[in-house]
Amino acid sequence: MMLQVLYLFKMSAPQAWGLGSFSSPHYQTHNRARLEHLASLRLPLERRSVIELGSGPGDHTGFYVSRGCTVTAVDARQDCLDVLHERFPEVVIVRADLNDVSALAHLGQFEVAHCYGILYHLEHPECMISALASVCSSLAIVETCVSPADGLDVLLVDEFGEDYSQSVTNRGCRPTRRWVFRELGRHFRWVYVTRTQPDHPEFPLDWTGEFPGAGLIRSIYVASRTELKNPFLIDDVPSQQEKYRPATDRV
């Protein structure tokens, strides 16, 4: 049984709410680090059918469009989807609340499910994992904020819905890494954690120490219908990870 513990989310006042939340230097730097890292994993992501969950205004959508993928973008906010449609008119847009396990039932099947930065903005993260598994025929990639605890708990948090980069219901969660790994394993035969982490302070490398304060910490998972022979993936929840550095930074 999932243990839920109330945890009040401490946040600083945003410089801009609504769509302006996606324009801050911090947000853009964070996105670049995540997408550079995703490209480094050498996953089979070209010319695939992709469902992007929690798409926001499309800051990750171009990653797949540029690789010849057909993309369906899902978000709970119409304002975000309107901007995404202006940027990528070829992308199918769907408005849905991913707290609802049936939200994706009518959309068919997709080879890849891209789920970056959405799981922890939900009150019912198990619903999204179940929903994405129902429409994903091959590969799911999940990036989420997590609790540093080592158990199987999900901490509930308060969020600020007027900030479009946060929960539409004003409630989110912080699952542990092992909870995410286990829940993905309920639906996919093979589940992995990335050997490397993006080069950004929110992605820890050492999970054995203390995590003081209320800063965000993140982890990335790959779930697959078939076994992946990939040196960048680990089939367990590691206590230590490596930092990804672009080739131009390596000695």
Protein backbone atom coordinates (compact mmCIF):
# COMPACT_ATOMS: atom_id res chain seq x y z
CA MET A 1 0.00 0.00 0.00
CA MET A 2 1.34 3.41 -0.97
CA LEU A 3 2.06 5.61 2.02
CA GLN A 4 1.15 9.26 1.48
CA VAL A 5 2.61 11.92 3.76
CA LEU A 6 1.68 15.59 3.62
CA TYR A 7 4.68 17.77 2.83
CA LEU A 8 4.36 21.50 2.25
CA PHE A 9 6.29 22.62 -0.81
CA LYS A 10 8.47 25.65 -0.13
CA MET A 11 8.75 27.83 -3.20
CA SER A 12 10.13 31.27 -3.97
CA ALA A 13 7.86 33.85 -5.54
CA PRO A 14 8.06 33.56 -9.34
CA GLN A 15 9.15 36.50 -11.44
CA ALA A 16 6.28 35.76 -13.82
CA TRP A 17 3.31 33.45 -13.68
CA GLY A 18 1.41 31.70 -16.42
CA LEU A 19 3.36 31.05 -19.61
CA GLY A 20 6.11 33.37 -18.38
CA SER A 21 7.21 30.58 -16.03
CA PHE A 22 8.85 28.83 -18.99
CA SER A 23 10.98 31.84 -19.98
CA SER A 24 13.30 32.14 -17.00
CA PRO A 25 17.05 31.56 -17.54
CA HIS A 26 16.93 28.79 -14.91
CA TYR A 27 14.18 26.91 -16.75
CA GLN A 28 15.88 27.23 -20.14
CA THR A 29 19.26 26.13 -18.78
CA HIS A 30 17.60 23.16 -17.09
CA ASN A 31 15.89 22.12 -20.32
CA ARG A 32 19.10 22.30 -22.32
CA ALA A 33 20.89 20.07 -19.80
CA ARG A 34 18.08 17.50 -19.90
CA LEU A 35 17.86 17.35 -23.70
CA GLU A 36 21.64 17.14 -24.15
CA HIS A 37 21.64 14.25 -21.73
CA LEU A 38 18.70 12.54 -23.45
CA ALA A 39 20.53 12.68 -26.77
CA SER A 40 23.61 11.13 -25.16
CA LEU A 41 21.69 7.98 -24.14
CA ARG A 42 21.62 6.76 -27.76
CA LEU A 43 18.10 5.42 -27.49
CA PRO A 44 16.20 4.52 -30.69
CA LEU A 45 14.27 7.79 -30.96
CA GLU A 46 14.35 8.63 -34.66
CA ARG A 47 11.29 8.37 -36.92
CA ARG A 48 9.11 7.03 -34.11
CA SER A 49 5.54 7.73 -33.07
CA VAL A 50 5.79 9.70 -29.82
CA ILE A 51 3.36 10.77 -27.13
CA GLU A 52 4.71 13.67 -25.08
CA LEU A 53 3.05 13.85 -21.67
CA GLY A 54 3.03 17.18 -19.88
CA SER A 55 4.32 18.97 -22.95
CA GLY A 56 3.91 22.53 -21.69
CA PRO A 57 4.51 25.00 -24.54
CA GLY A 58 6.71 22.54 -26.44
CA ASP A 59 10.22 23.05 -25.13
CA HIS A 60 10.97 19.34 -25.63
CA THR A 61 8.76 18.79 -28.67
CA GLY A 62 11.36 19.97 -31.17
CA PHE A 63 13.75 17.25 -29.98
CA TYR A 64 11.46 14.67 -31.59
CA VAL A 65 10.22 16.73 -34.53
CA SER A 66 13.83 17.29 -35.61
CA ARG A 67 14.33 13.51 -35.58
CA GLY A 68 11.48 12.85 -37.98
CA CYS A 69 9.02 11.66 -35.33
CA THR A 70 5.26 12.05 -35.41
CA VAL A 71 4.29 13.62 -32.10
CA THR A 72 1.11 13.87 -30.05
CA ALA A 73 1.46 16.40 -27.24
CA VAL A 74 -0.67 16.16 -24.09
CA ASP A 75 -1.07 18.89 -21.49
CA ALA A 76 -3.74 20.05 -19.03
CA ARG A 77 -3.49 23.73 -19.98
CA GLN A 78 -4.92 25.00 -23.26
CA ASP A 79 -2.68 28.08 -23.16
CA CYS A 80 0.38 25.82 -23.33
CA LEU A 81 -1.06 23.75 -26.14
CA ASP A 82 -1.93 26.87 -28.14
CA VAL A 83 1.68 28.05 -28.00
CA LEU A 84 2.95 24.57 -28.88
CA HIS A 85 0.63 24.46 -31.91
CA GLU A 86 2.01 27.80 -33.12
CA ARG A 87 5.56 26.47 -32.82
CA PHE A 88 4.89 23.00 -34.26
CA PRO A 89 1.64 23.01 -36.29
CA GLU A 90 2.27 19.44 -37.46
CA VAL A 91 1.99 18.11 -33.88
CA VAL A 92 -1.34 16.74 -32.66
CA ILE A 93 -2.39 18.43 -29.40
CA VAL A 94 -4.60 16.87 -26.72
CA ARG A 95 -5.82 18.52 -23.52
CA ALA A 96 -6.05 16.02 -20.65
CA ASP A 97 -5.51 15.74 -16.90
CA LEU A 98 -2.95 12.99 -16.36
CA ASN A 99 -4.28 12.31 -12.86
CA ASP A 100 -7.03 10.41 -14.73
CA VAL A 101 -6.01 6.86 -15.66
CA SER A 102 -8.38 6.93 -18.65
CA ALA A 103 -7.06 10.24 -20.03
CA LEU A 104 -5.19 8.62 -22.94
CA ALA A 105 -7.51 5.69 -23.65
CA HIS A 106 -8.78 7.04 -27.01
CA LEU A 107 -5.41 8.01 -28.47
CA GLY A 108 -4.15 4.66 -29.77
CA GLN A 109 -0.62 3.32 -29.51
CA PHE A 110 2.74 5.10 -29.62
CA GLU A 111 6.23 3.66 -29.85
CA VAL A 112 7.72 6.18 -27.40
CA ALA A 113 6.26 7.91 -24.33
CA HIS A 114 8.20 11.03 -23.28
CA CYS A 115 7.40 12.04 -19.69
CA TYR A 116 9.84 14.71 -18.56
CA GLY A 117 8.90 16.98 -15.68
CA ILE A 118 5.28 15.88 -15.23
CA LEU A 119 5.03 12.93 -12.81
CA TYR A 120 5.81 15.01 -9.72
CA HIS A 121 3.14 17.59 -10.62
CA LEU A 122 0.38 15.00 -10.19
CA GLU A 123 -1.68 13.99 -7.16
CA HIS A 124 -1.99 10.44 -8.47
CA PRO A 125 1.30 9.55 -10.19
CA GLU A 126 0.35 5.88 -10.38
CA CYS A 127 -2.49 6.87 -12.73
CA MET A 128 -0.11 8.48 -15.21
CA ILE A 129 2.23 5.50 -15.19
CA SER A 130 -0.69 3.17 -15.83
CA ALA A 131 -2.06 5.44 -18.56
CA LEU A 132 1.27 5.83 -20.35
CA ALA A 133 1.85 2.08 -20.23
CA SER A 134 -1.52 1.48 -21.87
CA VAL A 135 -0.55 3.53 -24.94
CA CYS A 136 3.20 2.81 -25.11
CA SER A 137 4.20 -0.09 -27.34
CA SER A 138 7.97 0.13 -26.99
CA LEU A 139 9.80 2.67 -24.82
CA ALA A 140 8.96 5.12 -22.03
CA ILE A 141 11.37 7.78 -20.75
CA VAL A 142 10.48 9.34 -17.40
CA GLU A 143 12.25 12.23 -15.68
CA THR A 144 10.89 13.38 -12.34
CA CYS A 145 11.65 15.11 -9.08
CA VAL A 146 11.94 12.55 -6.32
CA SER A 147 12.21 12.20 -2.58
CA PRO A 148 15.73 11.18 -1.46
CA ALA A 149 14.35 8.52 0.89
CA ASP A 150 15.15 4.90 0.12
CA GLY A 151 11.69 3.41 0.72
CA LEU A 152 8.54 3.08 -1.37
CA ASP A 153 6.71 6.22 -0.26
CA VAL A 154 5.08 9.09 -2.11
CA LEU A 155 5.15 12.48 -0.40
CA LEU A 156 2.30 14.83 -1.30
CA VAL A 157 3.21 18.50 -1.77
CA ASP A 158 1.45 21.80 -2.33
CA GLU A 159 2.21 23.58 -5.59
CA PHE A 160 1.22 26.89 -7.15
CA GLY A 161 -1.14 26.42 -10.09
CA GLU A 162 -0.82 29.97 -11.41
CA ASP A 163 2.75 29.04 -12.30
CA TYR A 164 2.20 27.02 -15.48
CA SER A 165 5.31 24.95 -14.81
CA GLN A 166 3.58 23.50 -11.73
CA SER A 167 0.50 21.43 -10.92
CA VAL A 168 -2.83 22.39 -12.45
CA THR A 169 -4.57 21.13 -9.28
CA ASN A 170 -2.18 22.87 -6.84
CA ARG A 171 -1.07 19.47 -5.54
CA GLY A 172 1.92 17.41 -6.57
CA CYS A 173 4.10 14.65 -5.17
CA ARG A 174 7.63 13.47 -4.54
CA PRO A 175 7.90 9.71 -5.02
CA THR A 176 11.04 7.88 -4.01
CA ARG A 177 13.25 6.50 -6.76
CA ARG A 178 12.41 2.97 -5.76
CA TRP A 179 8.69 3.73 -5.95
CA VAL A 180 9.03 4.99 -9.53
CA PHE A 181 11.17 2.00 -10.46
CA ARG A 182 8.66 -0.43 -8.94
CA GLU A 183 5.61 1.21 -10.52
CA LEU A 184 7.18 1.19 -13.96
CA GLY A 185 8.04 -2.46 -13.40
CA ARG A 186 4.37 -3.26 -12.87
CA HIS A 187 3.76 -2.40 -16.52
CA PHE A 188 7.07 -2.94 -18.35
CA ARG A 189 9.24 -6.05 -18.40
CA TRP A 190 12.50 -4.09 -18.37
CA VAL A 191 13.16 -0.94 -16.32
CA TYR A 192 16.41 1.01 -16.12
CA VAL A 193 17.94 4.06 -14.44
CA THR A 194 20.43 6.11 -16.44
CA ARG A 195 24.09 5.56 -15.60
CA THR A 196 24.75 9.29 -16.01
CA GLN A 197 22.85 12.34 -14.81
CA PRO A 198 22.44 15.65 -16.66
CA ASP A 199 25.02 18.31 -15.86
CA HIS A 200 22.74 20.34 -13.60
CA PRO A 201 22.61 20.83 -9.80
CA GLU A 202 19.15 19.25 -9.50
CA PHE A 203 20.50 15.86 -10.61
CA PRO A 204 22.56 14.29 -7.77
CA LEU A 205 25.38 11.84 -8.32
CA ASP A 206 25.72 10.50 -4.76
CA TRP A 207 22.46 9.22 -3.22
CA THR A 208 24.07 8.04 0.03
CA GLY A 209 24.49 11.45 1.66
CA GLU A 210 22.22 14.06 3.18
CA PHE A 211 19.89 16.28 1.17
CA PRO A 212 19.27 19.33 3.38
CA GLY A 213 16.78 22.04 2.49
CA ALA A 214 13.87 22.00 0.08
CA GLY A 215 15.76 21.97 -3.22
CA LEU A 216 14.51 19.81 -6.07
CA ILE A 217 16.31 16.55 -6.84
CA ARG A 218 15.69 14.53 -9.98
CA SER A 219 16.14 11.10 -11.51
CA ILE A 220 15.60 9.55 -14.98
CA TYR A 221 14.16 6.15 -15.92
CA VAL A 222 13.77 4.16 -19.11
CA ALA A 223 11.10 1.45 -19.31
CA SER A 224 10.97 -0.92 -22.25
CA ARG A 225 8.93 -3.78 -23.72
CA THR A 226 12.18 -5.41 -24.89
CA GLU A 227 15.57 -5.76 -23.25
CA LEU A 228 17.93 -2.89 -24.00
CA LYS A 229 21.63 -3.64 -24.37
CA ASN A 230 22.74 -0.11 -23.65
CA PRO A 231 25.88 0.87 -21.68
CA PHE A 232 24.19 4.09 -20.53
CA LEU A 233 21.48 2.24 -18.59
CA ILE A 234 21.49 0.33 -15.27
CA ASP A 235 18.84 -2.27 -14.42
CA ASP A 236 18.62 -1.21 -10.76
CA VAL A 237 18.41 1.91 -8.59
CA PRO A 238 22.06 2.94 -8.09
CA SER A 239 23.53 4.70 -5.07
CA GLN A 240 26.13 6.42 -7.29
CA GLN A 241 25.83 7.92 -10.76
CA GLU A 242 28.17 9.75 -13.12
CA LYS A 243 27.81 13.27 -14.48
CA TYR A 244 27.20 13.59 -18.18
CA ARG A 245 29.52 16.07 -19.84
CA PRO A 246 29.34 17.00 -23.55
CA ALA A 247 32.25 15.69 -25.59
CA THR A 248 33.64 19.21 -26.00
CA ASP A 249 34.10 19.41 -22.20
CA ARG A 250 35.99 16.15 -21.88
CA VAL A 251 39.76 15.99 -21.60
